[in-house]
Amino acid sequence: MSRGPDAGVRLERALIASAAQAGCAITITDATWVRWASATFTGARHRVWLAGDAGPALDRWLAGLAEAELSLRESLVADLSIASMVRVDDQTRITVEALTVEA
């Protein structure tokens, strides 16, 4: 029996919803994740590649993304950072790295 979307899909959906709430649309162009564990926690390390139209709304969203509360069922976002950002004409390409911990 499936538990539903995995942590990677839930993170992608949360990023898209957060961007939409901030007034900008993003597209997930690629994503990967690997299981992660410490002595006390289990979760996953994620790398998500995004694209969006360059503009003030996207800039504001990106500026606050590391501190944003992203709602994920069954997981918490323990850490999130923008690893890279490249602007090409009217497009911005972003690489986000995140650590999720199972709740």
N, C-alpha and C. Protein backbone atom coordinates (compact mmCIF):
# COMPACT_ATOMS: atom_id res chain seq x y z
N MET A 1 0.85 -1.17 0.00
CA MET A 1 0.00 0.00 0.00
C MET A 1 0.90 1.24 0.00
N SER A 2 0.63 2.17 -0.85
CA SER A 2 1.42 3.39 -0.99
C SER A 2 1.01 4.42 0.06
N ARG A 3 2.01 5.15 0.55
CA ARG A 3 1.74 6.22 1.51
C ARG A 3 1.50 7.54 0.81
N GLY A 4 1.51 7.56 -0.50
CA GLY A 4 1.32 8.80 -1.23
C GLY A 4 2.63 9.32 -1.76
N PRO A 5 2.66 10.59 -2.13
CA PRO A 5 3.86 11.18 -2.72
C PRO A 5 5.05 11.11 -1.76
N ASP A 6 6.23 10.90 -2.32
CA ASP A 6 7.43 10.86 -1.50
C ASP A 6 7.85 12.27 -1.09
N ALA A 7 8.89 12.36 -0.28
CA ALA A 7 9.34 13.65 0.25
C ALA A 7 9.76 14.60 -0.86
N GLY A 8 10.35 14.07 -1.92
CA GLY A 8 10.75 14.92 -3.03
C GLY A 8 9.58 15.58 -3.73
N VAL A 9 8.55 14.82 -4.00
CA VAL A 9 7.35 15.36 -4.64
C VAL A 9 6.66 16.37 -3.72
N ARG A 10 6.60 16.04 -2.44
CA ARG A 10 5.96 16.98 -1.49
C ARG A 10 6.73 18.30 -1.43
N LEU A 11 8.08 18.24 -1.45
CA LEU A 11 8.88 19.47 -1.45
C LEU A 11 8.63 20.27 -2.73
N GLU A 12 8.62 19.61 -3.87
CA GLU A 12 8.37 20.30 -5.13
C GLU A 12 7.02 21.01 -5.11
N ARG A 13 5.99 20.32 -4.66
CA ARG A 13 4.65 20.91 -4.58
C ARG A 13 4.63 22.11 -3.63
N ALA A 14 5.34 22.00 -2.51
CA ALA A 14 5.38 23.10 -1.55
C ALA A 14 6.10 24.31 -2.13
N LEU A 15 7.16 24.09 -2.90
CA LEU A 15 7.86 25.21 -3.54
C LEU A 15 6.97 25.90 -4.56
N ILE A 16 6.27 25.13 -5.37
CA ILE A 16 5.36 25.70 -6.37
C ILE A 16 4.26 26.50 -5.69
N ALA A 17 3.67 25.96 -4.63
CA ALA A 17 2.60 26.65 -3.91
C ALA A 17 3.12 27.93 -3.25
N SER A 18 4.30 27.87 -2.66
CA SER A 18 4.87 29.05 -2.02
C SER A 18 5.13 30.16 -3.04
N ALA A 19 5.67 29.80 -4.20
CA ALA A 19 5.92 30.78 -5.25
C ALA A 19 4.61 31.39 -5.74
N ALA A 20 3.61 30.55 -5.94
CA ALA A 20 2.31 31.06 -6.40
C ALA A 20 1.71 32.02 -5.39
N GLN A 21 1.82 31.71 -4.11
CA GLN A 21 1.32 32.59 -3.06
C GLN A 21 2.05 33.92 -3.07
N ALA A 22 3.31 33.92 -3.50
CA ALA A 22 4.11 35.14 -3.58
C ALA A 22 3.88 35.90 -4.89
N GLY A 23 3.05 35.34 -5.77
CA GLY A 23 2.71 36.03 -7.01
C GLY A 23 3.63 35.73 -8.17
N CYS A 24 4.35 34.62 -8.10
CA CYS A 24 5.21 34.26 -9.23
C CYS A 24 5.02 32.78 -9.53
N ALA A 25 5.19 32.44 -10.78
CA ALA A 25 5.07 31.05 -11.21
C ALA A 25 6.46 30.49 -11.45
N ILE A 26 6.67 29.27 -10.97
CA ILE A 26 7.93 28.59 -11.22
C ILE A 26 7.62 27.25 -11.85
N THR A 27 8.63 26.71 -12.49
CA THR A 27 8.54 25.37 -13.06
C THR A 27 9.69 24.55 -12.49
N ILE A 28 9.40 23.34 -12.09
CA ILE A 28 10.44 22.42 -11.66
C ILE A 28 11.01 21.80 -12.93
N THR A 29 12.29 22.01 -13.18
CA THR A 29 12.89 21.47 -14.39
C THR A 29 13.57 20.13 -14.15
N ASP A 30 13.97 19.88 -12.91
CA ASP A 30 14.58 18.60 -12.55
C ASP A 30 14.66 18.55 -11.03
N ALA A 31 14.77 17.36 -10.50
CA ALA A 31 14.89 17.20 -9.04
C ALA A 31 15.48 15.84 -8.73
N THR A 32 16.20 15.81 -7.63
CA THR A 32 16.75 14.55 -7.15
C THR A 32 16.79 14.58 -5.63
N TRP A 33 16.78 13.43 -5.02
CA TRP A 33 16.93 13.36 -3.58
C TRP A 33 17.50 12.00 -3.19
N VAL A 34 18.17 11.99 -2.04
CA VAL A 34 18.72 10.75 -1.49
C VAL A 34 18.35 10.67 -0.02
N ARG A 35 18.16 9.46 0.45
CA ARG A 35 17.87 9.24 1.88
C ARG A 35 19.03 9.74 2.71
N TRP A 36 18.72 10.20 3.92
CA TRP A 36 19.71 10.74 4.83
C TRP A 36 19.32 10.32 6.24
N ALA A 37 20.30 10.08 7.10
CA ALA A 37 20.01 9.75 8.49
C ALA A 37 21.16 10.22 9.38
N SER A 38 20.79 10.63 10.58
CA SER A 38 21.76 10.93 11.62
C SER A 38 21.46 9.97 12.77
N ALA A 39 22.09 10.17 13.89
CA ALA A 39 21.85 9.30 15.04
C ALA A 39 20.41 9.42 15.55
N THR A 40 19.78 10.58 15.32
CA THR A 40 18.44 10.80 15.88
C THR A 40 17.35 11.08 14.85
N PHE A 41 17.70 11.37 13.59
CA PHE A 41 16.71 11.75 12.59
C PHE A 41 16.90 10.98 11.30
N THR A 42 15.82 10.83 10.56
CA THR A 42 15.88 10.30 9.20
C THR A 42 15.19 11.29 8.28
N GLY A 43 15.60 11.31 7.04
CA GLY A 43 14.99 12.23 6.10
C GLY A 43 15.63 12.09 4.74
N ALA A 44 15.77 13.23 4.05
CA ALA A 44 16.33 13.21 2.70
C ALA A 44 17.03 14.53 2.39
N ARG A 45 18.07 14.43 1.55
CA ARG A 45 18.74 15.61 1.01
C ARG A 45 18.22 15.79 -0.42
N HIS A 46 17.81 17.02 -0.73
CA HIS A 46 17.18 17.31 -2.01
C HIS A 46 17.98 18.34 -2.80
N ARG A 47 17.92 18.21 -4.09
CA ARG A 47 18.40 19.26 -5.00
C ARG A 47 17.29 19.42 -6.04
N VAL A 48 16.79 20.66 -6.15
CA VAL A 48 15.67 20.95 -7.05
C VAL A 48 16.09 22.09 -7.98
N TRP A 49 15.91 21.88 -9.27
CA TRP A 49 16.21 22.91 -10.26
C TRP A 49 14.90 23.54 -10.69
N LEU A 50 14.83 24.88 -10.61
CA LEU A 50 13.62 25.64 -10.90
C LEU A 50 13.89 26.64 -12.01
N ALA A 51 12.82 27.07 -12.65
CA ALA A 51 12.91 28.16 -13.61
C ALA A 51 11.69 29.05 -13.41
N GLY A 52 11.88 30.34 -13.58
CA GLY A 52 10.78 31.29 -13.46
C GLY A 52 11.08 32.56 -14.22
N ASP A 53 10.03 33.31 -14.51
CA ASP A 53 10.21 34.60 -15.18
C ASP A 53 10.87 35.58 -14.23
N ALA A 54 11.94 36.20 -14.68
CA ALA A 54 12.64 37.19 -13.87
C ALA A 54 11.70 38.36 -13.57
N GLY A 55 11.78 38.87 -12.35
CA GLY A 55 10.96 40.01 -11.99
C GLY A 55 10.96 40.22 -10.49
N PRO A 56 10.35 41.32 -10.05
CA PRO A 56 10.35 41.65 -8.62
C PRO A 56 9.68 40.59 -7.74
N ALA A 57 8.60 39.98 -8.20
CA ALA A 57 7.92 38.97 -7.38
C ALA A 57 8.82 37.77 -7.15
N LEU A 58 9.49 37.31 -8.19
CA LEU A 58 10.41 36.19 -8.03
C LEU A 58 11.57 36.56 -7.13
N ASP A 59 12.11 37.76 -7.29
CA ASP A 59 13.21 38.22 -6.45
C ASP A 59 12.81 38.24 -4.97
N ARG A 60 11.61 38.75 -4.68
CA ARG A 60 11.14 38.79 -3.28
C ARG A 60 10.97 37.38 -2.72
N TRP A 61 10.39 36.49 -3.53
CA TRP A 61 10.17 35.12 -3.08
C TRP A 61 11.52 34.44 -2.78
N LEU A 62 12.46 34.59 -3.69
CA LEU A 62 13.77 33.97 -3.49
C LEU A 62 14.49 34.54 -2.27
N ALA A 63 14.35 35.84 -2.04
CA ALA A 63 15.00 36.48 -0.89
C ALA A 63 14.51 35.90 0.44
N GLY A 64 13.25 35.51 0.50
CA GLY A 64 12.69 34.98 1.74
C GLY A 64 12.58 33.47 1.79
N LEU A 65 13.01 32.79 0.75
CA LEU A 65 12.79 31.35 0.66
C LEU A 65 13.48 30.56 1.76
N ALA A 66 14.69 30.90 2.11
CA ALA A 66 15.43 30.14 3.13
C ALA A 66 14.72 30.16 4.48
N GLU A 67 13.97 31.21 4.75
CA GLU A 67 13.26 31.33 6.03
C GLU A 67 11.77 30.99 5.93
N ALA A 68 11.32 30.64 4.74
CA ALA A 68 9.89 30.38 4.53
C ALA A 68 9.45 29.10 5.24
N GLU A 69 8.20 29.09 5.67
CA GLU A 69 7.59 27.91 6.26
C GLU A 69 6.94 27.13 5.13
N LEU A 70 7.55 26.03 4.74
CA LEU A 70 6.98 25.19 3.70
C LEU A 70 6.26 24.02 4.37
N SER A 71 5.01 23.86 4.03
CA SER A 71 4.20 22.82 4.64
C SER A 71 4.35 21.51 3.88
N LEU A 72 4.90 20.51 4.55
CA LEU A 72 5.06 19.19 3.98
C LEU A 72 4.41 18.17 4.89
N ARG A 73 3.56 17.36 4.33
CA ARG A 73 2.95 16.29 5.11
C ARG A 73 4.02 15.25 5.43
N GLU A 74 4.12 14.84 6.66
CA GLU A 74 5.01 13.79 7.14
C GLU A 74 6.49 14.19 7.20
N SER A 75 6.83 15.42 6.86
CA SER A 75 8.23 15.87 6.91
C SER A 75 8.30 17.33 7.30
N LEU A 76 9.46 17.72 7.78
CA LEU A 76 9.76 19.12 8.08
C LEU A 76 10.96 19.53 7.24
N VAL A 77 10.96 20.78 6.77
CA VAL A 77 12.12 21.30 6.06
C VAL A 77 13.08 21.82 7.13
N ALA A 78 14.18 21.10 7.33
CA ALA A 78 15.14 21.46 8.37
C ALA A 78 16.12 22.51 7.88
N ASP A 79 16.41 22.50 6.59
CA ASP A 79 17.35 23.47 6.02
C ASP A 79 17.03 23.63 4.54
N LEU A 80 17.15 24.85 4.05
CA LEU A 80 16.90 25.14 2.64
C LEU A 80 17.77 26.31 2.24
N SER A 81 18.44 26.17 1.10
CA SER A 81 19.27 27.27 0.62
C SER A 81 19.24 27.31 -0.91
N ILE A 82 19.56 28.48 -1.43
CA ILE A 82 19.69 28.64 -2.87
C ILE A 82 21.16 28.40 -3.20
N ALA A 83 21.41 27.33 -3.94
CA ALA A 83 22.78 26.96 -4.27
C ALA A 83 23.32 27.76 -5.45
N SER A 84 22.44 28.08 -6.38
CA SER A 84 22.86 28.90 -7.52
C SER A 84 21.65 29.57 -8.16
N MET A 85 21.93 30.67 -8.84
CA MET A 85 20.89 31.41 -9.55
C MET A 85 21.53 32.07 -10.76
N VAL A 86 20.95 31.83 -11.93
CA VAL A 86 21.47 32.36 -13.18
C VAL A 86 20.32 33.03 -13.92
N ARG A 87 20.57 34.25 -14.39
CA ARG A 87 19.56 34.95 -15.20
C ARG A 87 20.00 34.92 -16.65
N VAL A 88 19.10 34.47 -17.49
CA VAL A 88 19.33 34.43 -18.93
C VAL A 88 18.12 35.09 -19.58
N ASP A 89 18.34 36.28 -20.14
CA ASP A 89 17.26 37.06 -20.73
C ASP A 89 16.16 37.28 -19.68
N ASP A 90 14.96 36.81 -19.95
CA ASP A 90 13.83 37.02 -19.03
C ASP A 90 13.62 35.85 -18.08
N GLN A 91 14.48 34.86 -18.11
CA GLN A 91 14.33 33.67 -17.28
C GLN A 91 15.38 33.64 -16.17
N THR A 92 14.96 33.14 -15.02
CA THR A 92 15.88 32.89 -13.91
C THR A 92 15.88 31.40 -13.66
N ARG A 93 17.07 30.83 -13.57
CA ARG A 93 17.23 29.41 -13.27
C ARG A 93 17.85 29.30 -11.89
N ILE A 94 17.22 28.53 -11.03
CA ILE A 94 17.62 28.45 -9.63
C ILE A 94 17.85 27.00 -9.25
N THR A 95 18.88 26.77 -8.45
CA THR A 95 19.10 25.46 -7.84
C THR A 95 18.89 25.61 -6.34
N VAL A 96 17.97 24.82 -5.81
CA VAL A 96 17.65 24.84 -4.39
C VAL A 96 18.13 23.53 -3.78
N GLU A 97 18.78 23.64 -2.62
CA GLU A 97 19.17 22.46 -1.85
C GLU A 97 18.41 22.48 -0.54
N ALA A 98 17.91 21.32 -0.14
CA ALA A 98 17.12 21.26 1.09
C ALA A 98 17.37 19.95 1.81
N LEU A 99 17.11 20.00 3.11
CA LEU A 99 17.15 18.81 3.96
C LEU A 99 15.77 18.68 4.59
N THR A 100 15.14 17.55 4.38
CA THR A 100 13.86 17.30 5.04
C THR A 100 14.06 16.20 6.08
N VAL A 101 13.31 16.32 7.16
CA VAL A 101 13.37 15.37 8.26
C VAL A 101 11.97 14.81 8.45
N GLU A 102 11.90 13.50 8.58
CA GLU A 102 10.59 12.86 8.79
C GLU A 102 10.03 13.26 10.15
N ALA A 103 8.77 13.64 10.14
CA ALA A 103 8.13 14.08 11.37
C ALA A 103 7.52 12.93 12.14
